[in-house]
């Protein structure tokens, strides 16, 4: 999914920078809605791959058998290996779902910020023409 953004010119960016520099910091924070923007820029805890690593470790230990080569197939617990691999895939799917939710949230925040930027740009153009 690609999102399109309007083309930005150097004059637009320069005018935004001038307008922001002219306002005191407190007014800028109030204008942006400081409470909503600060909560959206929270520290991300990261994704937990610990369960997947543990399941893979279990599969490896079940597969590594110290015996002569012809007897390894007989001594290996293939059912336990398969179960550990299924647990690994389940853990990875759970992490992928978390990542998809995070991406969807970030996409929504980006859309909101682009709308706010377009509204400010539109109101700035009207104020300059009056």
N, C-alpha and C. Protein backbone atom coordinates (compact mmCIF):
# COMPACT_ATOMS: atom_id res chain seq x y z
N UNK A 1 0.84 -1.17 0.00
CA UNK A 1 0.00 0.00 0.00
C UNK A 1 0.89 1.24 0.00
N UNK A 2 0.82 1.99 -1.07
CA UNK A 2 1.58 3.22 -1.14
C UNK A 2 0.65 4.39 -0.89
N UNK A 3 1.10 5.32 -0.10
CA UNK A 3 0.30 6.51 0.12
C UNK A 3 0.94 7.65 -0.64
N UNK A 4 0.10 8.44 -1.23
CA UNK A 4 0.61 9.56 -2.03
C UNK A 4 0.60 10.82 -1.20
N UNK A 5 1.60 11.61 -1.37
CA UNK A 5 1.68 12.88 -0.68
C UNK A 5 1.87 13.98 -1.72
N UNK A 6 1.36 15.17 -1.42
CA UNK A 6 1.52 16.25 -2.39
C UNK A 6 2.99 16.62 -2.54
N UNK A 7 3.34 17.08 -3.72
CA UNK A 7 4.71 17.52 -3.97
C UNK A 7 5.00 18.77 -3.15
N UNK A 8 6.13 18.77 -2.48
CA UNK A 8 6.51 19.91 -1.66
C UNK A 8 7.55 20.73 -2.39
N UNK A 9 7.35 22.03 -2.35
CA UNK A 9 8.34 22.91 -2.96
C UNK A 9 9.19 23.52 -1.85
N UNK A 10 10.32 24.04 -2.23
CA UNK A 10 11.21 24.65 -1.24
C UNK A 10 10.58 25.91 -0.66
N UNK A 11 9.76 26.59 -1.46
CA UNK A 11 9.10 27.80 -0.93
C UNK A 11 8.11 27.44 0.18
N UNK A 12 7.37 26.32 -0.01
CA UNK A 12 6.42 25.89 1.02
C UNK A 12 7.15 25.57 2.32
N UNK A 13 8.21 24.80 2.22
CA UNK A 13 8.96 24.41 3.41
C UNK A 13 9.56 25.64 4.08
N UNK A 14 10.07 26.55 3.27
CA UNK A 14 10.67 27.77 3.81
C UNK A 14 9.63 28.62 4.54
N UNK A 15 8.42 28.71 3.97
CA UNK A 15 7.36 29.49 4.62
C UNK A 15 6.91 28.83 5.92
N UNK A 16 6.86 27.50 5.96
CA UNK A 16 6.51 26.80 7.19
C UNK A 16 7.56 27.05 8.27
N UNK A 17 8.83 27.02 7.87
CA UNK A 17 9.90 27.25 8.84
C UNK A 17 9.84 28.68 9.38
N UNK A 18 9.57 29.66 8.51
CA UNK A 18 9.45 31.05 8.97
C UNK A 18 8.28 31.22 9.93
N UNK A 19 7.15 30.62 9.59
CA UNK A 19 5.96 30.73 10.44
C UNK A 19 6.21 30.07 11.80
N UNK A 20 6.89 28.94 11.81
CA UNK A 20 7.17 28.25 13.07
C UNK A 20 8.18 29.03 13.90
N UNK A 21 9.15 29.64 13.26
CA UNK A 21 10.16 30.41 13.98
C UNK A 21 9.57 31.68 14.57
N UNK A 22 8.53 32.23 13.94
CA UNK A 22 7.92 33.46 14.42
C UNK A 22 7.08 33.23 15.67
N UNK A 23 6.56 32.02 15.85
CA UNK A 23 5.71 31.72 17.01
C UNK A 23 6.56 31.27 18.19
N UNK A 24 6.17 31.67 19.41
CA UNK A 24 6.85 31.11 20.59
C UNK A 24 6.56 29.62 20.71
N UNK A 25 7.44 28.90 21.37
CA UNK A 25 7.29 27.45 21.49
C UNK A 25 5.98 27.04 22.14
N UNK A 26 5.53 27.77 23.14
CA UNK A 26 4.29 27.41 23.83
C UNK A 26 3.11 27.46 22.86
N UNK A 27 3.04 28.49 22.02
CA UNK A 27 1.96 28.59 21.04
C UNK A 27 2.02 27.45 20.04
N UNK A 28 3.22 27.05 19.63
CA UNK A 28 3.36 25.95 18.70
C UNK A 28 2.81 24.66 19.29
N UNK A 29 3.12 24.41 20.58
CA UNK A 29 2.65 23.20 21.22
C UNK A 29 1.13 23.20 21.36
N UNK A 30 0.56 24.34 21.72
CA UNK A 30 -0.89 24.43 21.86
C UNK A 30 -1.56 24.27 20.50
N UNK A 31 -0.99 24.88 19.46
CA UNK A 31 -1.56 24.80 18.12
C UNK A 31 -1.57 23.37 17.60
N UNK A 32 -0.52 22.62 17.88
CA UNK A 32 -0.43 21.24 17.41
C UNK A 32 -1.29 20.29 18.22
N UNK A 33 -1.68 20.67 19.41
CA UNK A 33 -2.36 19.74 20.30
C UNK A 33 -1.33 18.86 20.98
N UNK A 34 -0.58 19.42 21.89
CA UNK A 34 0.59 18.77 22.48
C UNK A 34 0.24 17.44 23.13
N UNK A 35 -0.93 17.33 23.74
CA UNK A 35 -1.27 16.08 24.42
C UNK A 35 -1.37 14.94 23.43
N UNK A 36 -2.01 15.17 22.29
CA UNK A 36 -2.19 14.08 21.33
C UNK A 36 -0.89 13.71 20.64
N UNK A 37 -0.05 14.70 20.32
CA UNK A 37 1.19 14.37 19.61
C UNK A 37 2.20 13.72 20.53
N UNK A 38 2.26 14.13 21.79
CA UNK A 38 3.22 13.52 22.70
C UNK A 38 2.88 12.07 22.99
N UNK A 39 1.59 11.76 23.06
CA UNK A 39 1.22 10.38 23.33
C UNK A 39 1.48 9.49 22.12
N UNK A 40 1.44 10.07 20.91
CA UNK A 40 1.68 9.25 19.73
C UNK A 40 3.17 8.97 19.53
N UNK A 41 4.05 9.79 20.10
CA UNK A 41 5.48 9.57 19.96
C UNK A 41 6.04 8.86 21.18
N UNK A 42 5.42 7.77 21.55
CA UNK A 42 5.85 7.01 22.71
C UNK A 42 7.00 6.08 22.34
N UNK A 43 7.71 5.67 23.33
CA UNK A 43 8.81 4.73 23.11
C UNK A 43 8.23 3.35 22.85
N UNK A 44 8.67 2.73 21.77
CA UNK A 44 8.15 1.41 21.40
C UNK A 44 8.89 0.33 22.17
N UNK A 45 8.17 -0.61 22.80
CA UNK A 45 8.84 -1.63 23.60
C UNK A 45 9.57 -2.68 22.79
N UNK A 46 9.29 -2.79 21.53
CA UNK A 46 9.93 -3.81 20.69
C UNK A 46 9.08 -5.06 20.61
N UNK A 47 9.48 -5.95 19.78
CA UNK A 47 8.73 -7.18 19.58
C UNK A 47 9.47 -8.33 20.23
N UNK A 48 8.72 -9.26 20.79
CA UNK A 48 9.30 -10.34 21.58
C UNK A 48 9.44 -11.60 20.74
N UNK A 49 10.66 -11.94 20.40
CA UNK A 49 10.95 -13.16 19.65
C UNK A 49 11.44 -14.27 20.57
N UNK A 50 11.29 -14.07 21.88
CA UNK A 50 11.83 -15.04 22.85
C UNK A 50 11.17 -16.41 22.70
N UNK A 51 9.84 -16.43 22.54
CA UNK A 51 9.14 -17.71 22.40
C UNK A 51 9.59 -18.47 21.16
N UNK A 52 9.78 -17.75 20.06
CA UNK A 52 10.24 -18.40 18.83
C UNK A 52 11.64 -18.98 19.01
N UNK A 53 12.54 -18.21 19.67
CA UNK A 53 13.89 -18.71 19.90
C UNK A 53 13.89 -19.94 20.80
N UNK A 54 13.05 -19.92 21.83
CA UNK A 54 12.99 -21.07 22.74
C UNK A 54 12.47 -22.31 22.01
N UNK A 55 11.46 -22.16 21.18
CA UNK A 55 10.92 -23.30 20.44
C UNK A 55 11.94 -23.86 19.46
N UNK A 56 12.66 -22.98 18.79
CA UNK A 56 13.71 -23.46 17.88
C UNK A 56 14.82 -24.17 18.65
N UNK A 57 15.16 -23.65 19.81
CA UNK A 57 16.16 -24.31 20.64
C UNK A 57 15.72 -25.71 21.06
N UNK A 58 14.44 -25.86 21.41
CA UNK A 58 13.91 -27.19 21.75
C UNK A 58 13.99 -28.13 20.56
N UNK A 59 13.65 -27.63 19.37
CA UNK A 59 13.72 -28.47 18.17
C UNK A 59 15.17 -28.90 17.90
N UNK A 60 16.10 -27.98 18.08
CA UNK A 60 17.51 -28.33 17.85
C UNK A 60 18.01 -29.38 18.84
N UNK A 61 17.61 -29.22 20.11
CA UNK A 61 18.08 -30.20 21.09
C UNK A 61 17.47 -31.57 20.85
N UNK A 62 16.25 -31.62 20.35
CA UNK A 62 15.63 -32.91 20.05
C UNK A 62 16.26 -33.56 18.82
N UNK A 63 16.80 -32.75 17.94
CA UNK A 63 17.38 -33.26 16.70
C UNK A 63 18.84 -33.69 16.89
N UNK A 64 19.55 -33.05 17.80
CA UNK A 64 20.97 -33.38 18.03
C UNK A 64 21.08 -34.60 18.95
N UNK A 65 21.48 -35.71 18.36
CA UNK A 65 21.61 -36.95 19.12
C UNK A 65 23.05 -37.42 18.96
N UNK A 66 23.68 -37.71 20.08
CA UNK A 66 25.06 -38.20 20.06
C UNK A 66 25.07 -39.73 19.98
N UNK A 67 25.02 -40.20 18.79
CA UNK A 67 25.11 -41.65 18.56
C UNK A 67 25.64 -41.86 17.15
N UNK A 68 25.87 -43.09 16.79
CA UNK A 68 26.40 -43.35 15.45
C UNK A 68 25.32 -43.04 14.41
N UNK A 69 25.76 -42.71 13.22
CA UNK A 69 24.88 -42.19 12.19
C UNK A 69 23.69 -43.11 11.85
N UNK A 70 23.83 -44.39 11.67
CA UNK A 70 22.65 -45.19 11.30
C UNK A 70 21.56 -45.21 12.38
N UNK A 71 21.94 -44.99 13.65
CA UNK A 71 20.96 -45.06 14.73
C UNK A 71 20.32 -43.70 15.06
N UNK A 72 20.78 -42.63 14.45
CA UNK A 72 20.25 -41.31 14.75
C UNK A 72 18.78 -41.21 14.39
N UNK A 73 18.37 -41.77 13.27
CA UNK A 73 16.97 -41.71 12.86
C UNK A 73 16.08 -42.45 13.85
N UNK A 74 16.57 -43.51 14.38
CA UNK A 74 15.76 -44.28 15.33
C UNK A 74 15.63 -43.59 16.67
N UNK A 75 16.65 -42.89 17.08
CA UNK A 75 16.67 -42.26 18.41
C UNK A 75 16.04 -40.86 18.41
N UNK A 76 15.89 -40.28 17.24
CA UNK A 76 15.36 -38.92 17.16
C UNK A 76 13.86 -38.92 17.45
N UNK A 77 13.40 -37.92 18.19
CA UNK A 77 11.99 -37.78 18.52
C UNK A 77 11.37 -36.79 17.53
N UNK A 78 11.00 -37.30 16.36
CA UNK A 78 10.51 -36.43 15.29
C UNK A 78 9.21 -35.73 15.67
N UNK A 79 8.37 -36.37 16.44
CA UNK A 79 7.13 -35.73 16.88
C UNK A 79 7.39 -34.49 17.73
N UNK A 80 8.36 -34.58 18.62
CA UNK A 80 8.71 -33.42 19.45
C UNK A 80 9.33 -32.31 18.61
N UNK A 81 10.12 -32.69 17.61
CA UNK A 81 10.72 -31.69 16.72
C UNK A 81 9.63 -30.96 15.95
N UNK A 82 8.69 -31.72 15.40
CA UNK A 82 7.60 -31.11 14.64
C UNK A 82 6.77 -30.18 15.53
N UNK A 83 6.50 -30.62 16.75
CA UNK A 83 5.73 -29.79 17.68
C UNK A 83 6.46 -28.49 18.01
N UNK A 84 7.76 -28.57 18.22
CA UNK A 84 8.55 -27.37 18.51
C UNK A 84 8.56 -26.42 17.31
N UNK A 85 8.65 -26.97 16.10
CA UNK A 85 8.61 -26.12 14.91
C UNK A 85 7.25 -25.46 14.74
N UNK A 86 6.18 -26.18 15.06
CA UNK A 86 4.84 -25.58 14.99
C UNK A 86 4.72 -24.46 16.02
N UNK A 87 5.26 -24.67 17.22
CA UNK A 87 5.25 -23.62 18.24
C UNK A 87 6.03 -22.39 17.76
N UNK A 88 7.14 -22.64 17.08
CA UNK A 88 7.94 -21.54 16.54
C UNK A 88 7.15 -20.73 15.53
N UNK A 89 6.49 -21.42 14.61
CA UNK A 89 5.70 -20.71 13.60
C UNK A 89 4.54 -19.96 14.25
N UNK A 90 3.92 -20.54 15.25
CA UNK A 90 2.83 -19.85 15.95
C UNK A 90 3.34 -18.57 16.61
N UNK A 91 4.51 -18.65 17.24
CA UNK A 91 5.08 -17.45 17.88
C UNK A 91 5.41 -16.38 16.84
N UNK A 92 5.94 -16.79 15.69
CA UNK A 92 6.26 -15.82 14.64
C UNK A 92 5.00 -15.19 14.06
N UNK A 93 3.94 -15.97 13.93
CA UNK A 93 2.67 -15.42 13.44
C UNK A 93 2.13 -14.39 14.42
N UNK A 94 2.24 -14.67 15.71
CA UNK A 94 1.78 -13.71 16.73
C UNK A 94 2.57 -12.40 16.64
N UNK A 95 3.88 -12.51 16.45
CA UNK A 95 4.70 -11.30 16.31
C UNK A 95 4.33 -10.55 15.04
N UNK A 96 4.07 -11.28 13.94
CA UNK A 96 3.67 -10.63 12.69
C UNK A 96 2.35 -9.89 12.86
N UNK A 97 1.42 -10.46 13.63
CA UNK A 97 0.16 -9.77 13.89
C UNK A 97 0.40 -8.49 14.68
N UNK A 98 1.30 -8.54 15.65
CA UNK A 98 1.64 -7.33 16.41
C UNK A 98 2.23 -6.28 15.50
N UNK A 99 3.13 -6.70 14.62
CA UNK A 99 3.76 -5.76 13.70
C UNK A 99 2.73 -5.16 12.75
N UNK A 100 1.80 -5.97 12.25
CA UNK A 100 0.76 -5.47 11.35
C UNK A 100 -0.11 -4.44 12.07
N UNK A 101 -0.44 -4.70 13.34
CA UNK A 101 -1.22 -3.73 14.11
C UNK A 101 -0.46 -2.44 14.31
N UNK A 102 0.82 -2.55 14.59
CA UNK A 102 1.66 -1.36 14.78
C UNK A 102 1.76 -0.56 13.48
N UNK A 103 1.94 -1.24 12.37
CA UNK A 103 2.02 -0.55 11.07
C UNK A 103 0.70 0.14 10.75
N UNK A 104 -0.42 -0.53 11.04
CA UNK A 104 -1.73 0.08 10.79
C UNK A 104 -1.91 1.34 11.65
N UNK A 105 -1.48 1.27 12.91
CA UNK A 105 -1.57 2.44 13.78
C UNK A 105 -0.70 3.58 13.28
N UNK A 106 0.51 3.26 12.87
CA UNK A 106 1.41 4.30 12.34
C UNK A 106 0.88 4.90 11.05
N UNK A 107 0.26 4.07 10.22
CA UNK A 107 -0.33 4.56 8.98
C UNK A 107 -1.47 5.53 9.27
N UNK A 108 -2.29 5.19 10.27
CA UNK A 108 -3.37 6.09 10.65
C UNK A 108 -2.85 7.42 11.18
N UNK A 109 -1.81 7.36 12.01
CA UNK A 109 -1.21 8.59 12.53
C UNK A 109 -0.60 9.43 11.41
N UNK A 110 0.03 8.76 10.45
CA UNK A 110 0.62 9.48 9.32
C UNK A 110 -0.45 10.16 8.48
N UNK A 111 -1.57 9.48 8.27
CA UNK A 111 -2.68 10.07 7.52
C UNK A 111 -3.22 11.29 8.24
N UNK A 112 -3.37 11.20 9.56
CA UNK A 112 -3.86 12.33 10.34
C UNK A 112 -2.90 13.51 10.24
N UNK A 113 -1.61 13.24 10.36
CA UNK A 113 -0.62 14.32 10.26
C UNK A 113 -0.62 14.96 8.88
N UNK A 114 -0.78 14.15 7.84
CA UNK A 114 -0.84 14.72 6.48
C UNK A 114 -2.07 15.58 6.30
N UNK A 115 -3.21 15.17 6.87
CA UNK A 115 -4.42 15.98 6.78
C UNK A 115 -4.22 17.30 7.53
N UNK A 116 -3.63 17.25 8.71
CA UNK A 116 -3.38 18.47 9.46
C UNK A 116 -2.44 19.39 8.70
N UNK A 117 -1.45 18.81 8.06
CA UNK A 117 -0.49 19.60 7.28
C UNK A 117 -1.18 20.25 6.09
N UNK A 118 -2.05 19.50 5.42
CA UNK A 118 -2.77 20.06 4.28
C UNK A 118 -3.72 21.17 4.72
N UNK A 119 -4.38 20.99 5.89
CA UNK A 119 -5.27 22.03 6.40
C UNK A 119 -4.49 23.29 6.75
N UNK A 120 -3.34 23.12 7.39
CA UNK A 120 -2.52 24.29 7.72
C UNK A 120 -2.02 24.98 6.47
N UNK A 121 -1.63 24.19 5.49
CA UNK A 121 -1.14 24.77 4.25
C UNK A 121 -2.26 25.55 3.57
N UNK A 122 -3.45 25.00 3.55
CA UNK A 122 -4.59 25.68 2.95
C UNK A 122 -4.97 26.93 3.70
N UNK A 123 -4.96 26.88 5.02
CA UNK A 123 -5.32 28.06 5.80
C UNK A 123 -4.21 29.12 5.70
N UNK A 124 -2.97 28.71 5.59
CA UNK A 124 -1.87 29.66 5.43
C UNK A 124 -1.93 30.39 4.10
N UNK A 125 -2.34 29.67 3.04
CA UNK A 125 -2.47 30.30 1.72
C UNK A 125 -3.61 31.32 1.74
N UNK A 126 -4.73 30.97 2.39
CA UNK A 126 -5.88 31.89 2.45
C UNK A 126 -5.53 33.12 3.28
N UNK A 127 -4.79 32.95 4.37
CA UNK A 127 -4.41 34.07 5.23
C UNK A 127 -3.46 35.01 4.48
N UNK A 128 -2.61 34.47 3.66
CA UNK A 128 -1.66 35.29 2.91
C UNK A 128 -2.33 36.07 1.79
N UNK A 129 -3.44 35.56 1.25
CA UNK A 129 -4.13 36.21 0.13
C UNK A 129 -5.07 37.31 0.62
N UNK A 130 -5.46 37.27 1.89
CA UNK A 130 -6.43 38.26 2.40
C UNK A 130 -5.81 39.58 2.66
